[in-house]
Amino acid sequence: MSNFNIEDHPHKRLNPLTNDWILVSPHRSKRPWQGQVEKTIIDERPKYDPSCYLCAGNERAGGHKNPDYKGTFVFTNDFSALLTNTPEGGMDEGSLFQAKSESGICKVICFSENHSLTIPEMEVEDIRKVIDVWCEQFEELGGNELINYVQIFENKGAIMGCSNPHPHGQIWSSSSVPVEPAKESVSQKAYFEKNGATLLGDYLKAELDKKERLLAQNEHFVALVPYWAVWPFETMIISKRPVQNVLQLTEEEKTAFADMYKQLTVKYDNLFETSFAYSAGLHQAPTDGKDYPEWHLHMHFYPPLLRSATVKKFMVGYEMLATPQRDITAEQAAKRLRDLSDIHYKKQ
């Protein structure tokens, strides 16, 4: 079609990190919304909750008692999805029935002793302490000969499966590289071998030139809506310098990372004036002792909210059976987020 317009006509976009495609239907976002709209739910929590198993001094679900910690606190998950003592083995009954044992270590990181806080409401210097813990844990877990990948992530909000509102994240480290980082590893390696530069390094340069999907940047990090975004307000934080993992960040870069983490999540909260739900996580090089010059540190944010504080985007029907699809374009989402205030709505 000679008069094709990417802002008006259905099209597919390629995610070069995973080689997956997404269907974008921008014409559908022009239809009037006749669905559910709800008012923002005010979520006011105390600084300390005696019933919270993550608050300082309280007993956890597994029977252990938390110390009277201040700031960050790390412990091995009482109900870990991966275990260090998993025996080697599996099942191999031909190509149709295969299984392999998987070992690992799962940890929980409390971001603060203050039960009422979330990342966007924390000070940059306190978020920096969280990043310092990420570095410590990445070094410790990645140095374990059992561990070949360290996945750092945060689930925020009940609709993203977060079972406790206390500010916290998790680390699941495993003996094999999980599916999504493995796909990214293949794509980044192929690009690096062909072009002599990291995929995300070149992508970031192009986005900085175009500017249409940028949200915020400082000297060392950029927040943007990726061209291939699936979720309505999906974003990424990418390091300007192509480092492979958090241990390669300078002290200045760690603080800049904390600053970008806060800037982005403040915009999220301001979008619908609610504590914005998301799943977020770092993708970085495997820890199997090999060199990965193609890897470029980045952090994904996958938020489900679509039109209000409680109306979410569901992956259903065609998206589960065929291809992920979105109506609002990455450019439209970026403009909405970019235009929001950098001051948290509770302080405005």
Protein backbone atom coordinates (compact mmCIF):
# COMPACT_ATOMS: atom_id res chain seq x y z
CA MET A 1 0.00 0.00 0.00
CA SER A 2 1.71 3.17 -1.21
CA ASN A 3 0.04 5.44 1.36
CA PHE A 4 0.71 3.22 4.38
CA ASN A 5 0.89 5.19 7.62
CA ILE A 6 2.35 3.49 10.69
CA GLU A 7 0.20 5.71 12.97
CA ASP A 8 -3.03 4.72 11.21
CA HIS A 9 -2.76 1.24 9.73
CA PRO A 10 -2.36 -2.25 11.27
CA HIS A 11 1.19 -3.50 11.16
CA LYS A 12 3.67 -5.85 12.82
CA ARG A 13 6.76 -4.74 14.71
CA LEU A 14 9.81 -6.89 15.38
CA ASN A 15 11.44 -7.18 18.78
CA PRO A 16 15.12 -7.63 17.81
CA LEU A 17 16.02 -8.78 21.32
CA THR A 18 13.83 -11.87 21.11
CA ASN A 19 12.93 -12.06 17.39
CA ASP A 20 9.25 -12.07 18.36
CA TRP A 21 6.64 -10.04 16.51
CA ILE A 22 3.76 -7.92 17.85
CA LEU A 23 0.63 -6.78 16.03
CA VAL A 24 -0.11 -3.06 16.37
CA SER A 25 -3.62 -1.80 15.52
CA PRO A 26 -3.46 2.00 15.98
CA HIS A 27 -6.82 2.62 14.27
CA ARG A 28 -8.57 0.81 17.15
CA SER A 29 -7.38 3.36 19.71
CA LYS A 30 -9.55 5.95 17.99
CA ARG A 31 -12.78 4.16 18.93
CA PRO A 32 -14.71 5.58 21.92
CA TRP A 33 -14.11 3.79 25.23
CA GLN A 34 -17.33 2.22 26.51
CA GLY A 35 -15.83 -0.18 28.99
CA GLN A 36 -15.20 -0.09 32.68
CA VAL A 37 -13.76 3.02 34.34
CA GLU A 38 -13.18 3.20 38.07
CA LYS A 39 -11.95 5.89 40.42
CA THR A 40 -8.50 5.69 41.91
CA ILE A 41 -8.24 3.58 45.03
CA ILE A 42 -6.41 5.44 47.78
CA ASP A 43 -3.77 3.16 49.24
CA GLU A 44 -2.58 4.51 52.57
CA ARG A 45 -0.43 2.15 54.60
CA PRO A 46 1.26 2.58 57.99
CA LYS A 47 5.05 2.79 58.28
CA TYR A 48 4.91 -0.40 60.32
CA ASP A 49 2.36 -3.22 60.07
CA PRO A 50 2.44 -5.79 62.89
CA SER A 51 0.80 -8.36 60.58
CA CYS A 52 3.36 -7.92 57.76
CA TYR A 53 5.87 -10.76 57.52
CA LEU A 54 8.43 -8.45 55.87
CA CYS A 55 8.39 -5.65 58.44
CA ALA A 56 11.37 -5.34 60.79
CA GLY A 57 11.13 -7.48 63.92
CA ASN A 58 8.15 -9.50 62.69
CA GLU A 59 7.93 -13.24 62.24
CA ARG A 60 7.91 -14.42 58.64
CA ALA A 61 5.57 -17.01 57.18
CA GLY A 62 8.29 -19.64 57.43
CA GLY A 63 8.73 -19.10 61.16
CA HIS A 64 11.94 -17.04 61.04
CA LYS A 65 12.04 -13.64 62.75
CA ASN A 66 13.27 -10.57 60.90
CA PRO A 67 15.94 -8.49 62.59
CA ASP A 68 15.17 -4.88 63.50
CA TYR A 69 16.66 -3.79 60.18
CA LYS A 70 16.96 -0.26 58.81
CA GLY A 71 17.10 0.24 55.05
CA THR A 72 17.59 -2.95 53.04
CA PHE A 73 17.33 -6.51 54.29
CA VAL A 74 18.04 -9.73 52.33
CA PHE A 75 17.07 -13.29 53.19
CA THR A 76 16.66 -16.63 51.45
CA ASN A 77 13.04 -17.10 50.38
CA ASP A 78 11.21 -19.29 52.91
CA PHE A 79 9.26 -20.86 50.04
CA SER A 80 11.86 -20.91 47.26
CA ALA A 81 10.90 -21.98 43.76
CA LEU A 82 14.43 -23.33 43.30
CA LEU A 83 16.49 -25.37 45.77
CA THR A 84 20.22 -25.99 46.14
CA ASN A 85 19.81 -29.66 47.05
CA THR A 86 17.80 -30.74 44.00
CA PRO A 87 19.27 -34.09 42.87
CA GLU A 88 20.54 -34.32 39.31
CA GLY A 89 18.28 -36.25 37.00
CA GLY A 90 15.24 -35.94 34.84
CA MET A 91 13.16 -37.84 32.34
CA ASP A 92 13.90 -38.72 28.74
CA GLU A 93 11.27 -40.77 26.99
CA GLY A 94 11.98 -39.66 23.47
CA SER A 95 11.48 -36.17 22.04
CA LEU A 96 7.94 -35.82 23.43
CA PHE A 97 8.55 -36.42 27.14
CA GLN A 98 11.61 -34.69 28.53
CA ALA A 99 12.46 -33.13 31.88
CA LYS A 100 15.65 -31.95 33.57
CA SER A 101 16.30 -31.18 37.22
CA GLU A 102 16.91 -27.50 38.02
CA SER A 103 18.79 -26.11 41.01
CA GLY A 104 19.06 -22.58 42.30
CA ILE A 105 18.81 -20.06 45.10
CA CYS A 106 15.93 -17.63 45.64
CA LYS A 107 16.21 -14.52 47.79
CA VAL A 108 13.98 -11.66 48.90
CA ILE A 109 15.19 -8.05 49.19
CA CYS A 110 13.28 -5.64 51.41
CA PHE A 111 13.89 -2.18 49.98
CA SER A 112 13.10 -0.32 53.21
CA GLU A 113 11.88 -0.87 56.76
CA ASN A 114 9.11 1.64 55.98
CA HIS A 115 6.05 -0.44 55.07
CA SER A 116 4.27 2.53 53.47
CA LEU A 117 6.85 3.27 50.77
CA THR A 118 7.31 2.20 47.15
CA ILE A 119 10.26 2.91 44.82
CA PRO A 120 8.78 6.17 43.42
CA GLU A 121 8.26 7.48 46.95
CA MET A 122 11.77 6.63 48.14
CA GLU A 123 14.70 9.04 47.98
CA VAL A 124 17.35 8.44 45.31
CA GLU A 125 20.01 7.75 47.94
CA ASP A 126 17.83 5.01 49.42
CA ILE A 127 17.13 3.47 46.00
CA ARG A 128 20.89 3.52 45.46
CA LYS A 129 21.18 1.24 48.52
CA VAL A 130 18.86 -1.22 46.76
CA ILE A 131 21.13 -1.20 43.72
CA ASP A 132 24.13 -1.77 45.98
CA VAL A 133 22.37 -4.88 47.30
CA TRP A 134 21.72 -6.03 43.73
CA CYS A 135 25.47 -5.76 43.10
CA GLU A 136 26.35 -7.64 46.29
CA GLN A 137 23.89 -10.42 45.56
CA PHE A 138 24.83 -10.67 41.88
CA GLU A 139 28.47 -11.09 42.88
CA GLU A 140 27.69 -13.63 45.61
CA LEU A 141 25.21 -15.72 43.67
CA GLY A 142 26.98 -15.41 40.33
CA GLY A 143 30.19 -16.58 41.97
CA ASN A 144 28.52 -19.82 43.06
CA GLU A 145 29.53 -22.61 40.66
CA LEU A 146 25.95 -23.90 40.86
CA ILE A 147 24.54 -20.65 39.41
CA ASN A 148 24.68 -19.68 35.74
CA TYR A 149 22.09 -16.89 35.72
CA VAL A 150 20.91 -14.32 38.26
CA GLN A 151 17.44 -12.84 37.67
CA ILE A 152 16.72 -9.72 39.73
CA PHE A 153 13.09 -8.56 39.59
CA GLU A 154 10.27 -6.71 41.33
CA ASN A 155 6.54 -7.41 41.28
CA LYS A 156 4.57 -4.33 42.37
CA GLY A 157 0.84 -4.43 43.00
CA ALA A 158 -1.66 -7.17 43.77
CA ILE A 159 -2.74 -7.45 40.12
CA MET A 160 0.82 -8.48 39.27
CA GLY A 161 0.76 -11.26 41.83
CA CYS A 162 2.53 -9.36 44.60
CA SER A 163 1.41 -11.07 47.81
CA ASN A 164 2.75 -8.39 50.17
CA PRO A 165 2.68 -4.58 49.68
CA HIS A 166 5.86 -4.05 51.73
CA PRO A 167 8.50 -2.59 49.36
CA HIS A 168 10.53 -5.56 48.19
CA GLY A 169 11.94 -7.42 45.21
CA GLN A 170 13.31 -10.86 44.53
CA ILE A 171 16.28 -12.67 43.04
CA TRP A 172 15.91 -16.11 41.51
CA SER A 173 19.27 -17.56 40.51
CA SER A 174 19.39 -20.78 38.53
CA SER A 175 21.70 -23.44 37.15
CA SER A 176 20.48 -22.78 33.60
CA VAL A 177 19.75 -19.57 31.69
CA PRO A 178 15.97 -18.87 31.69
CA VAL A 179 13.96 -18.66 28.46
CA GLU A 180 13.73 -14.87 27.93
CA PRO A 181 17.40 -14.01 28.69
CA ALA A 182 18.42 -17.00 26.57
CA LYS A 183 16.53 -15.61 23.57
CA GLU A 184 18.07 -12.19 24.12
CA SER A 185 21.51 -13.79 24.37
CA VAL A 186 21.18 -15.38 20.93
CA SER A 187 19.97 -12.16 19.28
CA GLN A 188 22.57 -9.94 20.92
CA LYS A 189 25.40 -12.29 19.99
CA ALA A 190 24.31 -12.49 16.35
CA TYR A 191 24.07 -8.70 16.14
CA PHE A 192 27.44 -8.15 17.84
CA GLU A 193 29.23 -10.61 15.57
CA LYS A 194 27.75 -8.93 12.50
CA ASN A 195 28.11 -5.28 13.54
CA GLY A 196 30.88 -5.16 16.13
CA ALA A 197 28.67 -3.22 18.54
CA THR A 198 25.94 -4.12 21.01
CA LEU A 199 22.37 -4.33 19.71
CA LEU A 200 21.03 -2.08 22.46
CA GLY A 201 23.91 0.36 22.08
CA ASP A 202 23.01 0.98 18.44
CA TYR A 203 19.30 0.93 19.23
CA LEU A 204 19.77 3.53 21.96
CA LYS A 205 21.73 5.82 19.64
CA ALA A 206 18.88 5.65 17.12
CA GLU A 207 16.26 6.35 19.79
CA LEU A 208 18.24 9.32 21.10
CA ASP A 209 18.25 10.72 17.57
CA LYS A 210 14.54 10.11 16.97
CA LYS A 211 13.45 11.26 20.47
CA GLU A 212 9.81 10.20 19.90
CA ARG A 213 9.86 7.30 22.37
CA LEU A 214 12.18 8.81 25.00
CA LEU A 215 10.81 9.44 28.49
CA ALA A 216 13.78 10.64 30.52
CA GLN A 217 17.55 10.51 30.58
CA ASN A 218 20.49 11.49 32.72
CA GLU A 219 24.22 11.27 32.07
CA HIS A 220 24.34 7.47 32.24
CA PHE A 221 20.86 5.99 31.68
CA VAL A 222 17.82 6.40 29.42
CA ALA A 223 14.19 5.45 30.03
CA LEU A 224 12.07 4.86 26.93
CA VAL A 225 9.10 3.00 25.49
CA PRO A 226 10.62 0.34 23.22
CA TYR A 227 9.53 0.40 19.58
CA TRP A 228 8.29 -3.19 19.99
CA ALA A 229 6.43 -2.70 23.31
CA VAL A 230 3.65 -5.22 24.03
CA TRP A 231 2.09 -3.87 27.24
CA PRO A 232 0.28 -0.49 26.94
CA PHE A 233 2.90 1.45 28.94
CA GLU A 234 5.83 -0.95 28.73
CA THR A 235 9.22 0.70 29.18
CA MET A 236 12.94 -0.02 29.42
CA ILE A 237 15.87 1.53 31.24
CA ILE A 238 19.09 1.13 29.24
CA SER A 239 22.63 2.02 30.27
CA LYS A 240 24.33 4.46 27.91
CA ARG A 241 27.60 2.61 28.35
CA PRO A 242 27.43 -1.02 27.16
CA VAL A 243 28.16 -2.85 30.41
CA GLN A 244 27.35 -6.55 30.77
CA ASN A 245 26.19 -6.54 34.41
CA VAL A 246 25.69 -4.34 37.46
CA LEU A 247 29.17 -5.09 38.81
CA GLN A 248 30.69 -3.10 35.94
CA LEU A 249 28.81 0.08 36.87
CA THR A 250 30.82 2.92 38.38
CA GLU A 251 29.68 4.54 41.62
CA GLU A 252 28.33 7.47 39.61
CA GLU A 253 26.44 5.14 37.27
CA LYS A 254 24.82 3.30 40.18
CA THR A 255 23.44 6.58 41.52
CA ALA A 256 22.28 7.52 38.01
CA PHE A 257 20.52 4.16 37.74
CA ALA A 258 18.71 4.84 41.02
CA ASP A 259 17.71 8.28 39.74
CA MET A 260 16.27 6.84 36.51
CA TYR A 261 14.44 4.09 38.44
CA LYS A 262 12.74 6.79 40.50
CA GLN A 263 12.02 9.13 37.57
CA LEU A 264 10.31 6.40 35.58
CA THR A 265 8.21 5.02 38.42
CA VAL A 266 7.09 8.52 39.48
CA LYS A 267 5.72 8.99 35.96
CA TYR A 268 3.97 5.64 36.27
CA ASP A 269 2.26 6.66 39.51
CA ASN A 270 1.29 10.03 38.05
CA LEU A 271 -0.36 8.50 34.98
CA PHE A 272 -3.50 7.38 36.83
CA GLU A 273 -2.62 8.89 40.23
CA THR A 274 -2.27 5.50 41.82
CA SER A 275 0.46 3.19 43.03
CA PHE A 276 1.14 1.86 39.52
CA ALA A 277 1.50 -1.91 39.24
CA TYR A 278 4.23 -3.55 37.18
CA SER A 279 6.66 -6.41 36.93
CA ALA A 280 10.21 -5.22 36.33
CA GLY A 281 13.53 -6.95 36.08
CA LEU A 282 17.15 -6.65 35.02
CA HIS A 283 18.54 -8.56 32.08
CA GLN A 284 22.29 -9.01 32.15
CA ALA A 285 24.93 -11.51 31.06
CA PRO A 286 24.96 -15.11 32.36
CA THR A 287 27.33 -15.95 35.22
CA ASP A 288 28.84 -19.15 33.81
CA GLY A 289 32.36 -17.73 33.62
CA LYS A 290 32.29 -17.05 29.87
CA ASP A 291 32.73 -13.68 28.18
CA TYR A 292 29.63 -11.96 26.81
CA PRO A 293 30.77 -8.72 25.11
CA GLU A 294 27.47 -8.65 23.21
CA TRP A 295 25.38 -8.24 26.38
CA HIS A 296 24.11 -4.77 27.27
CA LEU A 297 22.56 -4.15 30.71
CA HIS A 298 18.89 -3.15 30.65
CA MET A 299 15.78 -3.29 32.80
CA HIS A 300 12.29 -4.17 31.53
CA PHE A 301 9.06 -2.79 32.99
CA TYR A 302 5.80 -4.58 32.16
CA PRO A 303 2.78 -2.72 33.60
CA PRO A 304 -0.76 -4.05 32.99
CA LEU A 305 -2.79 -0.87 33.55
CA LEU A 306 -4.53 0.43 30.43
CA ARG A 307 -7.13 3.15 31.05
CA SER A 308 -7.34 3.77 34.80
CA ALA A 309 -6.06 2.64 38.16
CA THR A 310 -7.95 -0.65 37.95
CA VAL A 311 -8.70 -1.28 34.26
CA LYS A 312 -5.94 -3.54 33.00
CA LYS A 313 -4.82 -4.97 29.70
CA PHE A 314 -5.50 -8.70 29.48
CA MET A 315 -3.55 -11.06 27.27
CA VAL A 316 -6.49 -13.08 25.97
CA GLY A 317 -7.89 -14.68 22.84
CA TYR A 318 -5.77 -13.80 19.82
CA GLU A 319 -2.85 -12.76 22.00
CA MET A 320 -2.70 -16.11 23.78
CA LEU A 321 -3.40 -18.17 20.68
CA ALA A 322 -1.65 -16.19 17.95
CA THR A 323 0.35 -12.96 18.43
CA PRO A 324 0.55 -10.25 21.13
CA GLN A 325 -1.41 -7.17 20.04
CA ARG A 326 -1.78 -3.55 21.14
CA ASP A 327 -3.90 -0.59 20.07
CA ILE A 328 -2.12 2.42 21.55
CA THR A 329 1.21 2.79 19.75
CA ALA A 330 4.56 2.95 21.50
CA GLU A 331 4.86 6.57 20.37
CA GLN A 332 1.47 7.53 21.84
CA ALA A 333 2.31 5.81 25.13
CA ALA A 334 5.68 7.54 25.27
CA LYS A 335 4.13 10.97 24.77
CA ARG A 336 1.61 10.40 27.57
CA LEU A 337 4.33 9.30 29.98
CA ARG A 338 6.85 11.92 28.87
CA ASP A 339 4.39 14.77 29.39
CA LEU A 340 3.71 13.80 33.02
CA SER A 341 5.21 15.70 35.93
CA ASP A 342 8.44 14.52 37.54
CA ILE A 343 6.94 15.32 40.96
CA HIS A 344 4.95 12.52 42.55
CA TYR A 345 1.21 13.27 42.56
CA LYS A 346 1.04 12.96 46.35
CA LYS A 347 3.45 15.87 46.64
CA GLN A 348 1.86 18.10 44.02
